[in-house]
């Protein structure tokens, strides 16, 4: 005997002319939104994954400054400034370590600024307040007595 679909009775008690099959349960609006949020969160997780390494041919090494790989504090900067010749072309060993770029950034121990290819963060010493005040006094003296040839456009200056 063939299976007969279930029939429901109409409100008046007579059998319904159409067979009624059970409908599959529909997910609620909240379940759909939760699934959507989970899919978006997992899809955007790649944005926080570590970036792939650059090929070896693109790796850039730091400069060849006198204090490369060493602590780069005020005494080292003052030594570079004393040996700096503003009339000679700017190089990794001939630059004003107290000079700032247009963004106000200080250079590293090879004369490169953040954003330049060979820039590397210099190792800075721990400095207390008394040392900072002594450096401030020494900087005022340096700024008050510029070197001969230290003028805008000089070959050894950034700008």
N, C-alpha and C. Protein backbone atom coordinates (compact mmCIF):
# COMPACT_ATOMS: atom_id res chain seq x y z
N UNK A 1 0.83 -1.16 0.00
CA UNK A 1 0.00 0.00 0.00
C UNK A 1 0.88 1.23 0.00
N UNK A 2 0.65 2.20 -0.93
CA UNK A 2 1.48 3.39 -0.98
C UNK A 2 1.24 4.27 0.22
N UNK A 3 2.32 5.00 0.58
CA UNK A 3 2.22 5.91 1.73
C UNK A 3 1.36 7.09 1.35
N UNK A 4 0.50 7.48 2.23
CA UNK A 4 -0.40 8.60 2.00
C UNK A 4 0.08 9.76 2.84
N UNK A 5 0.24 10.93 2.22
CA UNK A 5 0.68 12.06 3.03
C UNK A 5 -0.34 12.41 4.10
N UNK A 6 0.14 12.99 5.16
CA UNK A 6 -0.76 13.40 6.25
C UNK A 6 -1.70 14.47 5.76
N UNK A 7 -2.92 14.37 6.20
CA UNK A 7 -3.91 15.39 5.85
C UNK A 7 -4.40 16.04 7.11
N UNK A 8 -4.57 17.31 7.05
CA UNK A 8 -5.08 18.05 8.20
C UNK A 8 -6.56 18.33 7.98
N UNK A 9 -7.18 18.45 9.05
CA UNK A 9 -8.60 18.79 8.96
C UNK A 9 -8.74 20.28 8.88
N UNK A 10 -9.70 20.75 8.11
CA UNK A 10 -9.99 22.17 8.04
C UNK A 10 -10.69 22.58 9.32
N UNK A 11 -10.94 23.83 9.45
CA UNK A 11 -11.59 24.32 10.66
C UNK A 11 -13.00 23.76 10.82
N UNK A 12 -13.62 23.35 9.72
CA UNK A 12 -14.97 22.81 9.83
C UNK A 12 -14.96 21.31 10.03
N UNK A 13 -13.79 20.68 10.17
CA UNK A 13 -13.69 19.26 10.43
C UNK A 13 -13.49 18.43 9.19
N UNK A 14 -13.70 18.98 8.00
CA UNK A 14 -13.53 18.23 6.76
C UNK A 14 -12.05 18.13 6.45
N UNK A 15 -11.61 17.05 5.75
CA UNK A 15 -10.20 16.94 5.41
C UNK A 15 -9.78 18.04 4.45
N UNK A 16 -8.54 18.49 4.57
CA UNK A 16 -8.01 19.54 3.72
C UNK A 16 -7.82 19.00 2.32
N UNK A 17 -8.10 19.82 1.28
CA UNK A 17 -7.91 19.33 -0.07
C UNK A 17 -6.44 19.15 -0.44
N UNK A 18 -5.53 19.83 0.24
CA UNK A 18 -4.10 19.72 -0.06
C UNK A 18 -3.41 18.91 1.02
N UNK A 19 -2.51 18.05 0.60
CA UNK A 19 -1.73 17.34 1.62
C UNK A 19 -0.71 18.31 2.26
N UNK A 20 -0.50 18.19 3.52
CA UNK A 20 0.46 19.05 4.24
C UNK A 20 1.67 18.21 4.63
N UNK A 21 2.79 18.61 4.12
CA UNK A 21 4.04 17.96 4.50
C UNK A 21 4.68 18.80 5.59
N UNK A 22 5.44 18.17 6.39
CA UNK A 22 6.16 18.90 7.43
C UNK A 22 7.22 19.77 6.81
N UNK A 23 7.27 21.02 7.19
CA UNK A 23 8.31 21.92 6.70
C UNK A 23 9.54 21.80 7.58
N UNK A 24 10.73 21.98 6.92
CA UNK A 24 11.98 21.98 7.68
C UNK A 24 12.01 23.22 8.56
N UNK A 25 12.60 23.10 9.72
CA UNK A 25 12.68 24.24 10.64
C UNK A 25 13.58 25.31 10.04
N UNK A 26 13.10 26.54 10.01
CA UNK A 26 13.87 27.67 9.48
C UNK A 26 14.71 28.26 10.60
N UNK A 27 15.99 28.60 10.32
CA UNK A 27 16.80 29.24 11.38
C UNK A 27 16.23 30.62 11.70
N UNK A 28 16.34 30.99 12.95
CA UNK A 28 15.81 32.29 13.38
C UNK A 28 16.70 33.41 12.85
N UNK A 29 16.17 34.61 12.90
CA UNK A 29 16.92 35.79 12.45
C UNK A 29 18.19 35.95 13.28
N UNK A 30 18.10 35.66 14.57
CA UNK A 30 19.26 35.79 15.46
C UNK A 30 20.35 34.79 15.07
N UNK A 31 19.96 33.56 14.73
CA UNK A 31 20.93 32.54 14.33
C UNK A 31 21.62 32.95 13.04
N UNK A 32 20.87 33.50 12.09
CA UNK A 32 21.45 33.94 10.83
C UNK A 32 22.46 35.05 11.07
N UNK A 33 22.12 36.02 11.91
CA UNK A 33 23.02 37.13 12.20
C UNK A 33 24.28 36.63 12.91
N UNK A 34 24.12 35.69 13.85
CA UNK A 34 25.29 35.15 14.55
C UNK A 34 26.23 34.45 13.58
N UNK A 35 25.68 33.70 12.63
CA UNK A 35 26.51 33.02 11.63
C UNK A 35 27.21 34.04 10.73
N UNK A 36 26.52 35.09 10.36
CA UNK A 36 27.10 36.13 9.51
C UNK A 36 28.26 36.83 10.23
N UNK A 37 28.05 37.17 11.49
CA UNK A 37 29.10 37.84 12.28
C UNK A 37 30.32 36.92 12.43
N UNK A 38 30.07 35.64 12.68
CA UNK A 38 31.18 34.70 12.83
C UNK A 38 31.96 34.58 11.52
N UNK A 39 31.25 34.52 10.39
CA UNK A 39 31.92 34.41 9.10
C UNK A 39 32.75 35.65 8.81
N UNK A 40 32.21 36.83 9.13
CA UNK A 40 32.97 38.06 8.90
C UNK A 40 34.19 38.14 9.80
N UNK A 41 34.03 37.72 11.04
CA UNK A 41 35.16 37.77 11.98
C UNK A 41 36.27 36.82 11.54
N UNK A 42 35.91 35.63 11.12
CA UNK A 42 36.93 34.68 10.69
C UNK A 42 37.55 35.10 9.38
N UNK A 43 36.79 35.71 8.51
CA UNK A 43 37.32 36.16 7.23
C UNK A 43 38.30 37.29 7.38
N UNK A 44 38.07 38.17 8.36
CA UNK A 44 38.97 39.31 8.53
C UNK A 44 40.15 38.99 9.43
N UNK A 45 40.21 37.79 9.97
CA UNK A 45 41.32 37.42 10.85
C UNK A 45 42.65 37.44 10.10
N UNK A 46 42.61 37.26 8.80
CA UNK A 46 43.84 37.28 8.01
C UNK A 46 44.53 38.64 8.07
N UNK A 47 43.75 39.69 8.34
CA UNK A 47 44.34 41.03 8.43
C UNK A 47 45.29 41.14 9.61
N UNK A 48 45.12 40.29 10.62
CA UNK A 48 45.95 40.36 11.81
C UNK A 48 47.04 39.30 11.83
N UNK A 49 47.10 38.49 10.79
CA UNK A 49 48.12 37.46 10.71
C UNK A 49 49.46 38.11 10.36
N UNK A 50 50.57 37.52 10.78
CA UNK A 50 51.88 38.10 10.44
C UNK A 50 52.07 38.13 8.93
N UNK A 51 52.73 39.18 8.48
CA UNK A 51 52.99 39.33 7.05
C UNK A 51 54.05 38.33 6.61
N UNK A 52 54.01 37.98 5.37
CA UNK A 52 55.01 37.08 4.81
C UNK A 52 56.37 37.77 4.80
N UNK A 53 57.42 37.02 4.94
CA UNK A 53 58.77 37.59 4.93
C UNK A 53 59.11 38.11 3.55
N UNK A 54 59.88 39.17 3.54
CA UNK A 54 60.35 39.74 2.27
C UNK A 54 61.43 38.83 1.70
N UNK A 55 61.54 38.77 0.38
CA UNK A 55 62.61 37.97 -0.22
C UNK A 55 63.98 38.48 0.23
N UNK A 56 64.95 37.61 0.24
CA UNK A 56 66.29 37.97 0.71
C UNK A 56 66.92 39.08 -0.10
N UNK A 57 66.54 39.22 -1.36
CA UNK A 57 67.13 40.25 -2.19
C UNK A 57 66.68 41.66 -1.81
N UNK A 58 65.61 41.77 -1.00
CA UNK A 58 65.07 43.07 -0.63
C UNK A 58 65.54 43.49 0.76
N UNK A 59 66.17 42.60 1.49
CA UNK A 59 66.58 42.91 2.85
C UNK A 59 67.58 44.06 2.84
N UNK A 60 67.35 45.04 3.70
CA UNK A 60 68.22 46.21 3.77
C UNK A 60 68.91 46.22 5.13
N UNK A 61 70.19 46.43 5.13
CA UNK A 61 70.94 46.46 6.37
C UNK A 61 71.17 47.90 6.79
N UNK A 62 71.46 48.10 8.08
CA UNK A 62 71.73 49.43 8.58
C UNK A 62 72.97 50.03 7.95
N UNK A 63 73.15 51.30 8.22
CA UNK A 63 74.29 52.01 7.64
C UNK A 63 75.60 51.60 8.27
N UNK A 64 76.64 52.31 7.88
CA UNK A 64 77.99 52.00 8.36
C UNK A 64 78.52 53.13 9.22
N UNK A 65 77.66 53.68 10.08
CA UNK A 65 78.07 54.78 10.93
C UNK A 65 79.08 54.36 11.98
N UNK A 66 79.76 55.34 12.54
CA UNK A 66 80.80 55.10 13.54
C UNK A 66 80.26 54.36 14.76
N UNK A 67 79.02 54.66 15.16
CA UNK A 67 78.45 54.06 16.36
C UNK A 67 77.37 53.04 16.05
N UNK A 68 77.38 52.47 14.85
CA UNK A 68 76.38 51.47 14.45
C UNK A 68 76.46 50.26 15.38
N UNK A 69 75.32 49.86 15.92
CA UNK A 69 75.27 48.70 16.81
C UNK A 69 75.71 48.99 18.23
N UNK A 70 75.99 50.26 18.55
CA UNK A 70 76.41 50.64 19.90
C UNK A 70 75.37 51.59 20.49
N UNK A 71 75.53 51.90 21.76
CA UNK A 71 74.67 52.88 22.41
C UNK A 71 74.91 54.23 21.72
N UNK A 72 73.79 54.91 21.38
CA UNK A 72 73.89 56.19 20.67
C UNK A 72 73.25 57.27 21.55
N UNK A 73 74.07 57.79 22.47
CA UNK A 73 73.60 58.82 23.39
C UNK A 73 74.20 60.18 23.07
N UNK A 74 74.07 61.11 23.99
CA UNK A 74 74.54 62.47 23.78
C UNK A 74 76.05 62.55 23.56
N UNK A 75 76.88 61.83 24.35
CA UNK A 75 78.33 61.92 24.11
C UNK A 75 78.72 61.47 22.70
N UNK A 76 78.06 60.41 22.20
CA UNK A 76 78.36 59.94 20.85
C UNK A 76 77.90 60.95 19.80
N UNK A 77 76.75 61.55 20.01
CA UNK A 77 76.26 62.58 19.08
C UNK A 77 77.20 63.78 19.08
N UNK A 78 77.66 64.16 20.27
CA UNK A 78 78.56 65.31 20.34
C UNK A 78 79.89 65.01 19.63
N UNK A 79 80.37 63.77 19.76
CA UNK A 79 81.59 63.37 19.05
C UNK A 79 81.39 63.48 17.54
N UNK A 80 80.26 62.99 17.03
CA UNK A 80 79.97 63.10 15.60
C UNK A 80 79.86 64.56 15.18
N UNK A 81 79.21 65.38 16.00
CA UNK A 81 79.04 66.79 15.67
C UNK A 81 80.41 67.50 15.60
N UNK A 82 81.31 67.17 16.54
CA UNK A 82 82.64 67.80 16.56
C UNK A 82 83.45 67.42 15.31
N UNK A 83 83.22 66.21 14.77
CA UNK A 83 83.95 65.76 13.58
C UNK A 83 83.21 66.08 12.28
N UNK A 84 82.02 66.63 12.37
CA UNK A 84 81.20 66.93 11.20
C UNK A 84 81.73 68.14 10.45
N UNK A 85 81.85 68.02 9.14
CA UNK A 85 82.30 69.12 8.28
C UNK A 85 81.13 69.51 7.37
N UNK A 86 80.46 70.63 7.65
CA UNK A 86 79.30 71.01 6.84
C UNK A 86 79.64 71.32 5.38
N UNK A 87 80.92 71.56 5.08
CA UNK A 87 81.32 71.87 3.70
C UNK A 87 81.63 70.63 2.88
N UNK A 88 81.69 69.46 3.52
CA UNK A 88 81.88 68.19 2.81
C UNK A 88 80.52 67.55 2.60
N UNK A 89 80.37 66.74 1.57
CA UNK A 89 79.07 66.10 1.31
C UNK A 89 78.61 65.25 2.49
N UNK A 90 77.31 65.24 2.70
CA UNK A 90 76.70 64.45 3.77
C UNK A 90 76.91 62.97 3.46
N UNK A 91 77.30 62.20 4.47
CA UNK A 91 77.52 60.76 4.31
C UNK A 91 77.19 60.06 5.62
N UNK A 92 77.41 58.74 5.67
CA UNK A 92 77.14 57.96 6.88
C UNK A 92 78.10 58.30 8.02
N UNK A 93 79.19 58.97 7.70
CA UNK A 93 80.15 59.36 8.74
C UNK A 93 80.30 60.88 8.83
N UNK A 94 79.64 61.63 7.97
CA UNK A 94 79.71 63.09 7.99
C UNK A 94 78.30 63.67 7.95
N UNK A 95 77.73 63.88 9.13
CA UNK A 95 76.38 64.44 9.23
C UNK A 95 76.22 65.09 10.60
N UNK A 96 75.26 65.97 10.70
CA UNK A 96 74.95 66.63 11.97
C UNK A 96 73.95 65.76 12.72
N UNK A 97 74.34 65.12 13.81
CA UNK A 97 73.43 64.22 14.51
C UNK A 97 72.30 64.94 15.25
N UNK A 98 72.40 66.26 15.37
CA UNK A 98 71.36 67.02 16.05
C UNK A 98 70.33 67.59 15.07
N UNK A 99 70.56 67.40 13.78
CA UNK A 99 69.67 67.92 12.75
C UNK A 99 68.38 67.08 12.72
N UNK A 100 67.27 67.74 12.43
CA UNK A 100 65.96 67.07 12.34
C UNK A 100 65.45 67.15 10.92
N UNK A 101 64.66 66.14 10.50
CA UNK A 101 64.08 66.20 9.16
C UNK A 101 62.79 67.02 9.20
N UNK A 102 62.08 67.10 8.08
CA UNK A 102 60.87 67.93 8.00
C UNK A 102 59.78 67.44 8.95
N UNK A 103 59.80 66.15 9.29
CA UNK A 103 58.81 65.60 10.23
C UNK A 103 59.21 65.80 11.68
N UNK A 104 60.39 66.33 11.93
CA UNK A 104 60.87 66.54 13.30
C UNK A 104 61.57 65.33 13.89
N UNK A 105 61.89 64.33 13.06
CA UNK A 105 62.55 63.12 13.55
C UNK A 105 64.06 63.30 13.60
N UNK A 106 64.68 62.65 14.58
CA UNK A 106 66.14 62.63 14.68
C UNK A 106 66.67 61.47 13.85
N UNK A 107 67.92 61.59 13.41
CA UNK A 107 68.52 60.54 12.59
C UNK A 107 69.09 59.43 13.46
N UNK A 108 69.43 58.32 12.81
CA UNK A 108 70.09 57.22 13.51
C UNK A 108 71.60 57.48 13.53
N UNK A 109 72.37 56.50 13.96
CA UNK A 109 73.82 56.71 14.09
C UNK A 109 74.56 56.69 12.76
N UNK A 110 73.85 56.54 11.64
CA UNK A 110 74.46 56.63 10.31
C UNK A 110 73.92 57.82 9.52
N UNK A 111 73.10 58.64 10.16
CA UNK A 111 72.56 59.82 9.50
C UNK A 111 71.28 59.59 8.73
N UNK A 112 70.66 58.41 8.83
CA UNK A 112 69.41 58.12 8.14
C UNK A 112 68.22 58.44 9.04
N UNK A 113 67.13 58.85 8.43
CA UNK A 113 65.92 59.21 9.16
C UNK A 113 64.86 58.13 9.00
N UNK A 114 63.89 58.05 9.93
CA UNK A 114 62.82 57.06 9.79
C UNK A 114 62.14 57.19 8.43
N UNK A 115 61.92 56.06 7.79
CA UNK A 115 61.31 56.04 6.48
C UNK A 115 62.33 55.88 5.36
N UNK A 116 63.59 56.15 5.65
CA UNK A 116 64.64 55.94 4.65
C UNK A 116 65.08 54.48 4.71
N UNK A 117 65.50 53.94 3.60
CA UNK A 117 65.80 52.51 3.48
C UNK A 117 66.76 51.94 4.50
N UNK A 118 67.82 52.64 4.81
CA UNK A 118 68.84 52.08 5.70
C UNK A 118 68.66 52.49 7.17
N UNK A 119 67.56 53.16 7.50
CA UNK A 119 67.35 53.59 8.88
C UNK A 119 67.24 52.39 9.81
N UNK A 120 67.88 52.48 10.97
CA UNK A 120 67.72 51.46 12.01
C UNK A 120 67.64 52.19 13.36
N UNK A 121 66.71 51.75 14.19
CA UNK A 121 66.54 52.38 15.49
C UNK A 121 67.83 52.27 16.29
N UNK A 122 68.38 53.39 16.72
CA UNK A 122 69.62 53.31 17.51
C UNK A 122 69.32 52.87 18.94
N UNK A 123 70.29 52.24 19.56
CA UNK A 123 70.19 51.86 20.97
C UNK A 123 70.43 53.12 21.80
N UNK A 124 69.47 53.48 22.60
CA UNK A 124 69.58 54.72 23.38
C UNK A 124 69.86 54.37 24.84
N UNK A 125 70.67 55.19 25.50
CA UNK A 125 70.98 54.92 26.91
C UNK A 125 69.85 55.36 27.83
N UNK A 126 69.85 54.83 29.03
CA UNK A 126 68.92 55.33 30.05
C UNK A 126 69.43 56.69 30.50
N UNK A 127 68.51 57.65 30.63
CA UNK A 127 68.90 59.01 30.99
C UNK A 127 68.01 59.49 32.13
N UNK A 128 68.63 60.07 33.16
CA UNK A 128 67.83 60.62 34.25
C UNK A 128 67.64 62.13 34.04
N UNK A 129 66.86 62.74 34.90
CA UNK A 129 66.51 64.15 34.74
C UNK A 129 67.74 65.05 34.78
N UNK A 130 68.68 64.77 35.68
CA UNK A 130 69.89 65.60 35.79
C UNK A 130 70.70 65.55 34.49
N UNK A 131 70.80 64.36 33.89
CA UNK A 131 71.53 64.23 32.63
C UNK A 131 70.80 64.99 31.52
N UNK A 132 69.47 64.95 31.53
CA UNK A 132 68.70 65.68 30.52
C UNK A 132 68.93 67.19 30.65
N UNK A 133 69.02 67.69 31.84
CA UNK A 133 69.26 69.12 32.05
C UNK A 133 70.68 69.50 31.59
N UNK A 134 71.65 68.62 31.84
CA UNK A 134 73.03 68.88 31.37
C UNK A 134 73.08 68.87 29.84
N UNK A 135 72.34 67.94 29.21
CA UNK A 135 72.29 67.89 27.74
C UNK A 135 71.62 69.14 27.19
N UNK A 136 70.59 69.62 27.87
CA UNK A 136 69.89 70.83 27.42
C UNK A 136 70.84 72.03 27.42
N UNK A 137 71.67 72.13 28.46
CA UNK A 137 72.64 73.22 28.55
C UNK A 137 73.68 73.09 27.42
N UNK A 138 74.16 71.88 27.20
CA UNK A 138 75.15 71.65 26.14
C UNK A 138 74.55 71.94 24.76
N UNK A 139 73.29 71.58 24.55
CA UNK A 139 72.62 71.85 23.27
C UNK A 139 72.46 73.35 23.04
N UNK A 140 72.14 74.08 24.09
CA UNK A 140 72.03 75.54 23.96
C UNK A 140 73.35 76.14 23.51
N UNK A 141 74.46 75.62 24.03
CA UNK A 141 75.78 76.09 23.64
C UNK A 141 76.09 75.73 22.18
N UNK A 142 75.74 74.52 21.77
CA UNK A 142 75.96 74.08 20.38
C UNK A 142 75.15 74.95 19.42
N UNK A 143 73.88 75.20 19.75
CA UNK A 143 73.01 76.00 18.88
C UNK A 143 73.45 77.46 18.83
N UNK A 144 74.03 77.96 19.92
CA UNK A 144 74.48 79.36 19.95
C UNK A 144 75.78 79.56 19.17
N UNK A 145 76.54 78.49 18.96
CA UNK A 145 77.82 78.58 18.26
C UNK A 145 77.86 77.60 17.09
N UNK A 146 77.17 77.90 15.99
CA UNK A 146 77.18 76.97 14.85
C UNK A 146 78.57 76.89 14.22
N UNK A 147 78.83 75.77 13.57
CA UNK A 147 80.11 75.57 12.90
C UNK A 147 80.21 76.46 11.68
N UNK A 148 81.43 76.78 11.29
CA UNK A 148 81.65 77.57 10.07
C UNK A 148 81.15 76.76 8.88
N UNK A 149 80.33 77.36 8.06
CA UNK A 149 79.78 76.67 6.89
C UNK A 149 78.45 76.00 7.15
N UNK A 150 77.98 76.02 8.40
CA UNK A 150 76.69 75.42 8.74
C UNK A 150 75.57 76.39 8.38
N UNK A 151 75.25 76.43 7.09
CA UNK A 151 74.21 77.30 6.58
C UNK A 151 73.28 76.47 5.72
N UNK A 152 72.01 76.87 5.56
CA UNK A 152 71.10 76.11 4.71
C UNK A 152 71.67 75.95 3.31
N UNK A 153 71.61 74.75 2.78
CA UNK A 153 72.14 74.47 1.45
C UNK A 153 73.57 73.98 1.44
N UNK A 154 74.21 73.95 2.61
CA UNK A 154 75.59 73.45 2.68
C UNK A 154 75.60 71.95 2.33
N UNK A 155 76.67 71.46 1.70
CA UNK A 155 76.70 70.04 1.27
C UNK A 155 76.53 69.04 2.38
N UNK A 156 76.95 69.39 3.60
CA UNK A 156 76.86 68.45 4.71
C UNK A 156 75.55 68.51 5.49
N UNK A 157 74.66 69.39 5.06
CA UNK A 157 73.36 69.53 5.75
C UNK A 157 72.27 68.78 5.02
N UNK A 158 71.25 68.42 5.78
CA UNK A 158 70.10 67.75 5.19
C UNK A 158 69.31 68.72 4.31
N UNK A 159 69.12 69.95 4.81
CA UNK A 159 68.36 70.95 4.04
C UNK A 159 68.99 72.32 4.19
